[in-house]
Every structure is written in structure tokens, then in C-alpha cells.
Amino acid sequence: MNKKYFRKLWYSLSAKQRFWVRYLYYLPADLKDKIKGNRNKYIPPRGAIYTGSASGADKFLASSKHQLALLKSEVNLQPADRVLDIGSGIGRTAISLVEYLTPEARYEGFDVVKSGVDWCNKKIGRDFPNFNFTYVPLFNDLYNNSKGKATEFKFPYGDSEFDKVYSFSVFTHMMVDEIQHYLTEINRVLAPDGQAMSTFFLYDEANEEQIASDEGFGFPVAGDGFRLMNSKVTSGNIAIHKDHLEQMMSKAGLEITRIADGFWKGTPEAKEYQDIVVFKKK
């Protein structure tokens, strides 16, 4: 099936239906993994993974270690840091951080998918008491049908509590007003000398026409400083103009220190699929 039409069909499903489709699709592989003993205590079965690749334990762990390497290289993550994971998912990054962060460090993560938060607290939080995961019932038309608004959500942490704040593939699934609010909250909870890193789909005049017309992975729906992959699922995938993101950062009291283009748009030396943005307080 053409990727464009498959994605359109996928976005036509409700959040609950998408979870069930993934569960049933990967059920045979999960049963095979269980029989062969190809499981890891802290890694969920394929059918429970709702973001990123639903790969087996080995590839999931490799992806986790890759994200840890990015945090170390891009924001100089240290073993004793206080860390906030925005969109902690089902623990993809956390399972590597448990080996890197010291018991004196602090990890907090939050997510809009309760099953992921419950898994992480049951498997990771139980063995590592300095790791805590929080469920936030916010509406996202890709993952959660709750009535809570991301634009009104206050991160459940105090001011300047974290040395490092990061998110992987979160701001690619939120609308710009929601992202703007999250950036303001990041500024509030980030320590004065802290650093933050998030991934985005970014574009400018040089590649806007290309991403607008790409049949495989394109953003044909134009907005004010952003483009959408699907007009009916506004949190499905969003790309933001680089200039617009800089304006959003500035409005939130933040400044971008580095952008590393991802290989989603053909950057051969890229470290990550999405574009990496490193930023700090002004």
C-alpha cells in the first residue's frame, strides 16, 4: 500500500483503535519473543510500544543508548544531573539513564499515555526510586482523548528544578500554541545554567516546496509558520519554519544555541532522524 494512503488510513482511526491495531499486529512476534526468552525486564512487548519503532528488545535498547549518547554529546548530560523527560513514553530513554545517572541524580518524566506511565513506574520506578513517571490526562488527537488542554497545563514541578530538560519526538506531535506553552514551562523549570534539547521537523525557504510535495513523507497543509501532514489530525505530524521557532523561543525567554538537521530531509551527516534543537535561557 502507498505510504501516503496508509498514513491517511492510520490517522482516520481513533487513539484507542491505533493502540489495539498495534497490539494485534505485533502479538505473534511478542508471543515468539516470550517463548524464546528474547525479553528484557525493562523493555515492553512490541505491541505495547506506541511511539517510534515497535522493534524487539535488542533494537529498542540500541535506540535507548543512542538517545543517551545524544544527551551526553548535545547538552553535556552528567551522571548527577536533575533531568526532566517530556513525553517519557514507555521508557525508551529512561532504561539507559538508569545505568548512567547516579542514585543521587533525579529523573522525572511525564506522558499523556497512561499505559506507558504505568509500565515505567511498575518496571523502572520500582527498582530505581529516584525515577518517577507522571501521567497527565491531556488531549492529543494521536494519543489521548482526555479533555485536558496542553495550553493550560502547568508542569508539576517547581521553578529551576532541572539541570537538563529534553524531549524526543514530542513537539512533532503538538500544535504551535501548545508548543509555545511548553517552551514557557521549560523556561520556568530549567535551572539558570541548564540546557534543553528537543527534536522537531524544521524547514525554511530552501526546502519548503520539497516537504510540501513529498509523496512519501510530506507536509502539504500550510499554516502560519508551520505545515501539517494531515489537516484532520493536527497532532499527527507538524513541521515548523525555523524563523517561526526562533520567535517562539524568544517569546518563551529562551534562545537556540544549535540546530542539527536530521536525515529525514537527506542530511548525510545527521545524528538523528528528526532535527535536533539545543536551547537555554536567554
Protein backbone atom coordinates (compact mmCIF):
# COMPACT_ATOMS: atom_id res chain seq x y z
CA MET A 1 0.00 0.00 0.00
CA ASN A 2 1.24 3.51 -0.79
CA LYS A 3 2.72 5.13 2.35
CA LYS A 4 0.61 8.25 1.85
CA TYR A 5 -2.65 6.31 1.85
CA PHE A 6 -1.57 4.02 4.68
CA ARG A 7 -0.82 7.08 6.83
CA LYS A 8 -4.19 8.60 5.89
CA LEU A 9 -5.92 5.37 6.94
CA TRP A 10 -3.91 5.23 10.18
CA TYR A 11 -4.85 8.82 11.10
CA SER A 12 -8.52 8.05 10.46
CA LEU A 13 -8.52 5.67 13.44
CA SER A 14 -9.15 6.80 16.99
CA ALA A 15 -6.32 6.74 19.54
CA LYS A 16 -7.80 3.64 21.17
CA GLN A 17 -8.15 1.87 17.82
CA ARG A 18 -4.50 2.62 16.96
CA PHE A 19 -3.35 1.03 20.23
CA TRP A 20 -5.40 -2.11 19.53
CA VAL A 21 -4.20 -2.40 15.93
CA ARG A 22 -0.57 -2.26 17.07
CA TYR A 23 -1.23 -4.78 19.83
CA LEU A 24 -2.86 -7.29 17.50
CA TYR A 25 -0.36 -6.75 14.68
CA TYR A 26 2.64 -7.48 16.92
CA LEU A 27 1.00 -10.20 19.03
CA PRO A 28 2.58 -13.11 17.07
CA ALA A 29 6.05 -11.57 17.36
CA ASP A 30 5.53 -10.88 21.06
CA LEU A 31 4.50 -14.49 21.69
CA LYS A 32 7.55 -15.69 19.78
CA ASP A 33 9.83 -13.41 21.81
CA LYS A 34 8.32 -14.71 25.05
CA ILE A 35 8.75 -18.35 24.06
CA LYS A 36 12.37 -17.83 23.01
CA GLY A 37 13.18 -15.70 26.04
CA ASN A 38 14.01 -12.66 23.93
CA ARG A 39 12.64 -10.23 26.50
CA ASN A 40 14.10 -7.65 28.87
CA LYS A 41 12.61 -6.75 32.24
CA TYR A 42 12.52 -3.04 31.47
CA ILE A 43 11.53 -3.23 27.80
CA PRO A 44 7.83 -3.58 26.91
CA PRO A 45 6.48 -6.06 24.35
CA ARG A 46 6.31 -4.75 20.78
CA GLY A 47 2.54 -4.36 20.83
CA ALA A 48 2.71 -2.03 23.84
CA ILE A 49 5.12 0.39 22.16
CA TYR A 50 3.03 3.25 20.80
CA THR A 51 5.76 5.63 19.61
CA GLY A 52 8.72 5.00 17.37
CA SER A 53 9.71 1.61 16.10
CA ALA A 54 7.99 -1.36 17.72
CA SER A 55 11.18 -3.40 17.47
CA GLY A 56 12.43 -6.26 19.61
CA ALA A 57 14.35 -5.82 22.85
CA ASP A 58 17.79 -5.55 21.24
CA LYS A 59 16.83 -2.77 18.83
CA PHE A 60 14.78 -0.96 21.48
CA LEU A 61 17.81 -0.94 23.78
CA ALA A 62 20.07 0.23 20.95
CA SER A 63 17.67 3.13 20.30
CA SER A 64 17.72 3.97 24.00
CA LYS A 65 21.52 4.02 24.11
CA HIS A 66 21.55 6.24 21.03
CA GLN A 67 19.32 8.77 22.78
CA LEU A 68 21.57 8.72 25.84
CA ALA A 69 24.58 9.35 23.60
CA LEU A 70 22.80 12.35 22.07
CA LEU A 71 22.05 13.82 25.50
CA LYS A 72 25.68 13.42 26.52
CA SER A 73 27.03 14.97 23.32
CA GLU A 74 24.44 17.71 22.75
CA VAL A 75 23.69 19.01 26.28
CA ASN A 76 26.57 17.50 28.27
CA LEU A 77 24.35 15.31 30.42
CA GLN A 78 26.13 14.48 33.69
CA PRO A 79 25.55 11.46 35.99
CA ALA A 80 24.33 13.62 38.90
CA ASP A 81 22.01 15.86 36.88
CA ARG A 82 18.38 16.57 37.66
CA VAL A 83 16.58 15.50 34.48
CA LEU A 84 13.10 16.14 33.06
CA ASP A 85 11.88 13.88 30.25
CA ILE A 86 8.93 15.49 28.45
CA GLY A 87 6.89 12.75 26.80
CA SER A 88 8.65 9.91 28.61
CA GLY A 89 6.59 7.38 26.66
CA ILE A 90 7.18 3.81 27.63
CA GLY A 91 10.70 4.38 28.94
CA ARG A 92 12.80 4.30 25.79
CA THR A 93 15.32 6.84 27.12
CA ALA A 94 14.89 6.03 30.80
CA ILE A 95 16.14 2.44 30.53
CA SER A 96 19.61 3.70 29.60
CA LEU A 97 19.55 6.54 32.09
CA VAL A 98 19.11 4.10 34.98
CA GLU A 99 22.63 2.86 34.27
CA TYR A 100 24.11 6.32 33.67
CA LEU A 101 22.53 8.51 36.36
CA THR A 102 23.75 8.07 39.93
CA PRO A 103 21.35 7.35 42.82
CA GLU A 104 21.82 10.99 43.86
CA ALA A 105 20.52 12.19 40.49
CA ARG A 106 16.83 12.84 39.87
CA TYR A 107 14.73 11.75 36.91
CA GLU A 108 11.18 12.93 36.28
CA GLY A 109 9.13 12.02 33.25
CA PHE A 110 5.56 12.71 32.22
CA ASP A 111 3.36 11.50 29.39
CA VAL A 112 -0.22 11.63 28.12
CA VAL A 113 -0.49 7.85 27.66
CA LYS A 114 -1.36 6.15 30.95
CA SER A 115 -0.32 2.65 29.89
CA GLY A 116 3.21 3.88 29.23
CA VAL A 117 3.45 5.69 32.57
CA ASP A 118 2.08 2.67 34.45
CA TRP A 119 4.60 0.37 32.74
CA CYS A 120 7.51 2.65 33.63
CA ASN A 121 6.53 3.06 37.27
CA LYS A 122 5.95 -0.68 37.65
CA LYS A 123 9.15 -1.79 35.94
CA ILE A 124 11.64 1.07 36.31
CA GLY A 125 10.37 3.21 39.18
CA ARG A 126 10.00 0.18 41.44
CA ASP A 127 13.71 -0.70 41.12
CA PHE A 128 15.06 2.86 40.89
CA PRO A 129 13.38 5.15 43.46
CA ASN A 130 14.96 8.30 42.00
CA PHE A 131 12.99 7.68 38.77
CA ASN A 132 9.41 8.92 38.78
CA PHE A 133 6.83 8.91 35.96
CA THR A 134 3.65 11.00 35.96
CA TYR A 135 0.51 10.60 33.86
CA VAL A 136 -1.06 13.83 32.62
CA PRO A 137 -4.55 13.49 31.05
CA LEU A 138 -4.18 15.94 28.18
CA PHE A 139 -5.95 15.83 24.84
CA ASN A 140 -3.87 14.78 21.86
CA ASP A 141 -5.72 13.52 18.81
CA LEU A 142 -2.98 10.98 18.16
CA TYR A 143 -2.72 9.51 21.68
CA ASN A 144 -5.32 10.69 24.19
CA ASN A 145 -8.97 11.76 24.06
CA SER A 146 -8.99 13.41 27.51
CA LYS A 147 -10.34 16.93 27.82
CA GLY A 148 -7.27 18.48 29.46
CA LYS A 149 -5.61 21.22 27.38
CA ALA A 150 -1.86 21.26 26.81
CA THR A 151 -2.04 25.05 26.52
CA GLU A 152 -3.18 25.24 30.16
CA PHE A 153 -1.02 22.51 31.65
CA LYS A 154 1.48 23.57 34.30
CA PHE A 155 4.38 21.16 34.64
CA PRO A 156 4.03 19.59 38.14
CA TYR A 157 7.46 20.81 39.27
CA GLY A 158 8.89 23.90 40.92
CA ASP A 159 10.90 26.70 39.36
CA SER A 160 14.51 25.97 38.29
CA GLU A 161 14.32 22.31 39.41
CA PHE A 162 16.14 20.71 36.46
CA ASP A 163 19.64 20.86 35.03
CA LYS A 164 18.59 19.21 31.78
CA VAL A 165 15.22 19.11 30.04
CA TYR A 166 14.64 17.13 26.87
CA SER A 167 12.03 15.64 24.57
CA PHE A 168 12.27 13.21 21.68
CA SER A 169 9.54 13.35 19.01
CA VAL A 170 7.10 15.30 21.18
CA PHE A 171 6.99 18.71 19.51
CA THR A 172 6.44 16.95 16.19
CA HIS A 173 3.01 15.90 17.54
CA MET A 174 1.72 19.13 19.07
CA MET A 175 0.23 22.33 17.69
CA VAL A 176 2.22 25.56 17.82
CA ASP A 177 0.20 27.15 20.63
CA GLU A 178 0.73 24.02 22.73
CA ILE A 179 4.45 24.02 21.94
CA GLN A 180 4.65 27.70 22.83
CA HIS A 181 3.17 27.00 26.26
CA TYR A 182 5.53 24.05 26.84
CA LEU A 183 8.53 26.21 25.95
CA THR A 184 7.42 28.75 28.55
CA GLU A 185 7.12 25.97 31.11
CA ILE A 186 10.57 24.65 30.17
CA ASN A 187 11.98 28.10 30.88
CA ARG A 188 10.29 28.07 34.29
CA VAL A 189 11.56 24.66 35.45
CA LEU A 190 15.03 24.89 33.88
CA ALA A 191 17.92 25.95 36.13
CA PRO A 192 19.59 29.26 35.17
CA ASP A 193 22.64 27.46 33.78
CA GLY A 194 20.68 24.46 32.48
CA GLN A 195 20.34 23.20 28.93
CA ALA A 196 17.42 21.79 26.95
CA MET A 197 17.16 19.67 23.82
CA SER A 198 14.16 18.75 21.69
CA THR A 199 13.61 17.27 18.25
CA PHE A 200 11.49 18.90 15.55
CA PHE A 201 10.69 18.76 11.87
CA LEU A 202 12.03 22.12 10.67
CA TYR A 203 12.02 23.81 7.29
CA ASP A 204 12.88 27.09 5.61
CA GLU A 205 12.52 28.66 2.17
CA ALA A 206 15.17 26.33 0.77
CA ASN A 207 13.21 23.13 1.36
CA GLU A 208 9.59 24.18 1.94
CA GLU A 209 8.49 23.28 -1.58
CA GLN A 210 10.13 19.87 -1.28
CA ILE A 211 8.46 18.91 2.01
CA ALA A 212 5.13 20.25 0.79
CA SER A 213 5.08 17.95 -2.24
CA ASP A 214 6.91 14.87 -0.98
CA GLU A 215 4.60 11.90 -1.56
CA GLY A 216 6.39 9.65 0.93
CA PHE A 217 6.79 11.96 3.92
CA GLY A 218 5.41 15.40 3.16
CA PHE A 219 3.64 18.29 4.85
CA PRO A 220 1.14 19.57 2.27
CA VAL A 221 -1.12 21.59 4.61
CA ALA A 222 0.16 25.15 5.10
CA GLY A 223 -0.35 27.13 8.31
CA ASP A 224 1.05 30.33 9.80
CA GLY A 225 4.71 29.41 10.26
CA PHE A 226 4.07 25.67 10.17
CA ARG A 227 2.92 22.86 7.91
CA LEU A 228 0.82 19.77 8.70
CA MET A 229 0.90 16.28 7.27
CA ASN A 230 -2.85 15.85 7.73
CA SER A 231 -5.44 18.58 8.32
CA LYS A 232 -7.79 16.24 10.19
CA VAL A 233 -5.17 15.01 12.68
CA THR A 234 -3.45 18.22 13.71
CA SER A 235 -1.13 16.41 16.13
CA GLY A 236 -0.26 13.72 13.59
CA ASN A 237 2.93 15.37 12.34
CA ILE A 238 3.86 19.03 12.23
CA ALA A 239 6.81 20.87 10.69
CA ILE A 240 7.75 24.37 11.86
CA HIS A 241 9.56 27.10 9.97
CA LYS A 242 12.96 27.78 11.53
CA ASP A 243 12.29 31.51 11.80
CA HIS A 244 8.97 30.86 13.50
CA LEU A 245 10.60 28.54 16.03
CA GLU A 246 13.19 31.19 16.86
CA GLN A 247 10.35 33.65 17.50
CA MET A 248 8.59 31.12 19.72
CA MET A 249 11.77 30.50 21.70
CA SER A 250 12.35 34.20 22.19
CA LYS A 251 8.76 34.72 23.35
CA ALA A 252 9.33 31.99 25.95
CA GLY A 253 12.54 33.62 27.20
CA LEU A 254 14.74 31.03 25.54
CA GLU A 255 17.39 31.09 22.84
CA ILE A 256 18.58 28.46 20.40
CA THR A 257 22.26 27.60 20.67
CA ARG A 258 22.43 24.95 17.97
CA ILE A 259 20.35 23.23 15.29
CA ALA A 260 21.44 19.92 13.77
CA ASP A 261 19.39 18.91 10.73
CA GLY A 262 18.07 15.36 10.71
CA PHE A 263 18.34 12.79 7.97
CA TRP A 264 14.57 12.90 7.34
CA LYS A 265 15.41 15.57 4.78
CA GLY A 266 18.52 13.94 3.39
CA THR A 267 21.27 15.35 5.60
CA PRO A 268 24.03 12.74 5.19
CA GLU A 269 25.96 13.60 8.37
CA ALA A 270 22.86 13.72 10.60
CA LYS A 271 22.91 12.15 14.05
CA GLU A 272 19.15 11.72 14.33
CA TYR A 273 16.10 11.24 12.11
CA GLN A 274 14.43 14.46 13.28
CA ASP A 275 16.13 17.84 13.62
CA ILE A 276 17.87 18.43 16.96
CA VAL A 277 17.44 21.81 18.62
CA VAL A 278 19.55 22.75 21.65
CA PHE A 279 18.47 25.78 23.67
CA LYS A 280 18.80 27.56 27.00
CA LYS A 281 17.50 30.54 28.95
CA LYS A 282 18.29 33.94 27.49
